[in-house]
Amino acid sequence: MSNKILTGLVMLVSGTAIGGATAYGLINFMPQVLPAFEAPAAASEFMEMPPVMAPLVDKTGKLIGYGAFEIQYEVPKGEAEEMAASIPVLLDAINMRTYRAPLAGGTDSVIPSLGALRKVLLEAGAEVYGKERIRSVAITRASPV
């Protein structure tokens, strides 16, 4: 009789240990399989930007024309006003990248390539404000000039 109780107790303790270790491992090392345990996203807001004018350069480095862009950066809530003070530095960082990046897309190379533009904008924002402060960038309008 005591052998059956001891066996049951050992199985109960080992099952609890294995289950707890599995839960710990999933939450800490594979949170993508348990979306309910992901950390909630911090509140954010979009920082208003003045219109950005950038050169459209093709893959060979030839200047095709210029593009006008309306963009907004997603930043932590409450920091947009503080970050807006350094918009001139951000515009300079954007300009210093766009003349080197092939932003011209489409068959006639006058349509801006949004993927390349987004990459340039995120790199410039990360340089000026830091990667942890720039969450994403929204391109609300892109047109050749």
Protein backbone atom coordinates (compact mmCIF):
# COMPACT_ATOMS: atom_id res chain seq x y z
CA MET A 1 0.00 0.00 0.00
CA SER A 2 2.76 2.48 0.91
CA ASN A 3 4.55 1.60 -2.34
CA LYS A 4 1.51 2.78 -4.35
CA ILE A 5 1.33 6.04 -2.37
CA LEU A 6 5.05 6.66 -2.80
CA THR A 7 4.84 5.98 -6.56
CA GLY A 8 1.89 8.36 -6.91
CA LEU A 9 3.67 11.07 -4.91
CA VAL A 10 6.85 10.73 -7.03
CA MET A 11 4.80 10.98 -10.24
CA LEU A 12 2.96 14.04 -8.93
CA VAL A 13 6.16 15.87 -7.98
CA SER A 14 8.00 14.96 -11.19
CA GLY A 15 5.01 15.97 -13.34
CA THR A 16 4.79 19.32 -11.60
CA ALA A 17 8.52 19.89 -12.06
CA ILE A 18 8.47 18.95 -15.74
CA GLY A 19 5.38 21.07 -16.41
CA GLY A 20 6.81 24.06 -14.57
CA ALA A 21 10.13 23.81 -16.40
CA THR A 22 8.32 23.61 -19.75
CA ALA A 23 6.20 26.67 -18.96
CA TYR A 24 9.27 28.61 -17.81
CA GLY A 25 11.17 27.67 -20.97
CA LEU A 26 8.31 28.64 -23.28
CA ILE A 27 7.70 31.99 -21.64
CA ASN A 28 11.36 32.99 -21.49
CA PHE A 29 12.88 31.41 -24.57
CA MET A 30 9.99 31.05 -27.06
CA PRO A 31 7.44 33.80 -26.33
CA GLN A 32 6.34 33.85 -29.98
CA VAL A 33 4.43 30.58 -29.47
CA LEU A 34 2.50 32.09 -26.55
CA PRO A 35 1.27 35.50 -27.77
CA ALA A 36 -0.73 36.06 -24.58
CA PHE A 37 2.53 36.37 -22.63
CA GLU A 38 4.13 39.04 -24.83
CA ALA A 39 4.94 42.28 -23.13
CA PRO A 40 2.33 44.95 -23.83
CA ALA A 41 3.50 47.62 -26.23
CA ALA A 42 4.21 50.95 -24.62
CA ALA A 43 2.03 53.88 -25.64
CA SER A 44 3.28 55.80 -28.63
CA GLU A 45 2.44 58.79 -30.77
CA PHE A 46 3.42 60.09 -34.19
CA MET A 47 5.81 63.03 -34.43
CA GLU A 48 4.76 65.62 -37.01
CA MET A 49 7.45 66.40 -39.56
CA PRO A 50 7.77 69.16 -42.15
CA PRO A 51 7.73 68.03 -45.80
CA VAL A 52 10.97 66.34 -46.82
CA MET A 53 12.54 66.96 -50.22
CA ALA A 54 15.05 64.32 -51.31
CA PRO A 55 16.96 63.50 -54.49
CA LEU A 56 15.83 60.45 -56.48
CA VAL A 57 18.94 58.60 -57.58
CA ASP A 58 18.86 55.44 -59.70
CA LYS A 59 21.03 52.35 -59.21
CA THR A 60 23.85 53.79 -61.33
CA GLY A 61 24.07 56.92 -59.16
CA LYS A 62 22.47 59.21 -61.74
CA LEU A 63 20.19 61.95 -60.42
CA ILE A 64 16.71 61.40 -61.87
CA GLY A 65 14.88 64.18 -60.06
CA TYR A 66 13.57 65.07 -56.64
CA GLY A 67 10.81 63.64 -54.51
CA ALA A 68 8.56 65.30 -51.95
CA PHE A 69 7.65 63.18 -48.94
CA GLU A 70 5.37 63.60 -45.97
CA ILE A 71 6.50 61.37 -43.12
CA GLN A 72 5.80 60.82 -39.44
CA TYR A 73 7.94 58.97 -36.92
CA GLU A 74 6.34 56.77 -34.26
CA VAL A 75 7.94 57.69 -30.94
CA PRO A 76 7.20 56.98 -27.26
CA LYS A 77 4.25 58.94 -25.92
CA GLY A 78 5.21 62.30 -24.48
CA GLU A 79 8.58 62.56 -26.24
CA ALA A 80 7.50 64.01 -29.59
CA GLU A 81 7.73 67.63 -28.49
CA GLU A 82 11.21 67.17 -27.06
CA MET A 83 12.37 65.29 -30.17
CA ALA A 84 10.89 67.94 -32.49
CA ALA A 85 13.61 70.36 -31.36
CA SER A 86 16.20 68.39 -33.32
CA ILE A 87 14.23 68.01 -36.56
CA PRO A 88 16.84 70.07 -38.51
CA VAL A 89 19.51 67.55 -37.52
CA LEU A 90 17.20 64.72 -38.61
CA LEU A 91 16.54 66.38 -41.97
CA ASP A 92 20.30 66.71 -42.49
CA ALA A 93 20.80 63.02 -41.66
CA ILE A 94 18.06 62.09 -44.12
CA ASN A 95 19.58 64.27 -46.84
CA MET A 96 23.07 62.85 -46.28
CA ARG A 97 21.70 59.33 -46.91
CA THR A 98 19.25 59.92 -49.76
CA TYR A 99 21.79 61.10 -52.31
CA ARG A 100 23.68 57.81 -51.86
CA ALA A 101 20.65 55.49 -51.75
CA PRO A 102 18.93 54.44 -54.98
CA LEU A 103 15.45 55.76 -54.17
CA ALA A 104 14.24 55.90 -57.77
CA GLY A 105 11.95 53.01 -58.58
CA GLY A 106 9.44 51.94 -61.18
CA THR A 107 10.04 51.30 -64.86
CA ASP A 108 10.80 54.95 -65.66
CA SER A 109 12.70 55.59 -62.37
CA VAL A 110 10.59 58.59 -61.36
CA ILE A 111 8.48 56.82 -58.73
CA PRO A 112 10.13 56.73 -55.30
CA SER A 113 10.91 53.26 -53.94
CA LEU A 114 9.09 53.20 -50.59
CA GLY A 115 11.05 50.25 -49.21
CA ALA A 116 14.38 51.95 -49.78
CA LEU A 117 13.00 55.26 -48.48
CA ARG A 118 11.68 53.63 -45.30
CA LYS A 119 15.09 52.04 -44.67
CA VAL A 120 16.85 55.39 -45.12
CA LEU A 121 14.37 57.15 -42.82
CA LEU A 122 14.71 54.53 -40.07
CA GLU A 123 18.52 54.65 -40.25
CA ALA A 124 18.54 58.45 -40.04
CA GLY A 125 16.07 58.45 -37.15
CA ALA A 126 18.09 55.85 -35.27
CA GLU A 127 21.26 57.91 -35.76
CA VAL A 128 19.72 61.12 -34.45
CA TYR A 129 17.38 59.85 -31.72
CA GLY A 130 18.56 56.30 -31.00
CA LYS A 131 17.04 52.96 -31.99
CA GLU A 132 15.02 52.64 -28.79
CA ARG A 133 13.13 55.90 -29.43
CA ILE A 134 12.18 55.34 -33.09
CA ARG A 135 9.59 52.58 -33.40
CA SER A 136 8.53 52.99 -37.03
CA VAL A 137 8.04 55.54 -39.76
CA ALA A 138 4.86 56.28 -41.69
CA ILE A 139 5.20 57.61 -45.22
CA THR A 140 1.91 59.39 -45.82
CA ARG A 141 2.73 60.90 -49.22
CA ALA A 142 5.51 60.36 -51.73
CA SER A 143 5.54 62.06 -55.11
CA PRO A 144 8.11 63.13 -57.69
CA VAL A 145 8.67 66.86 -58.10
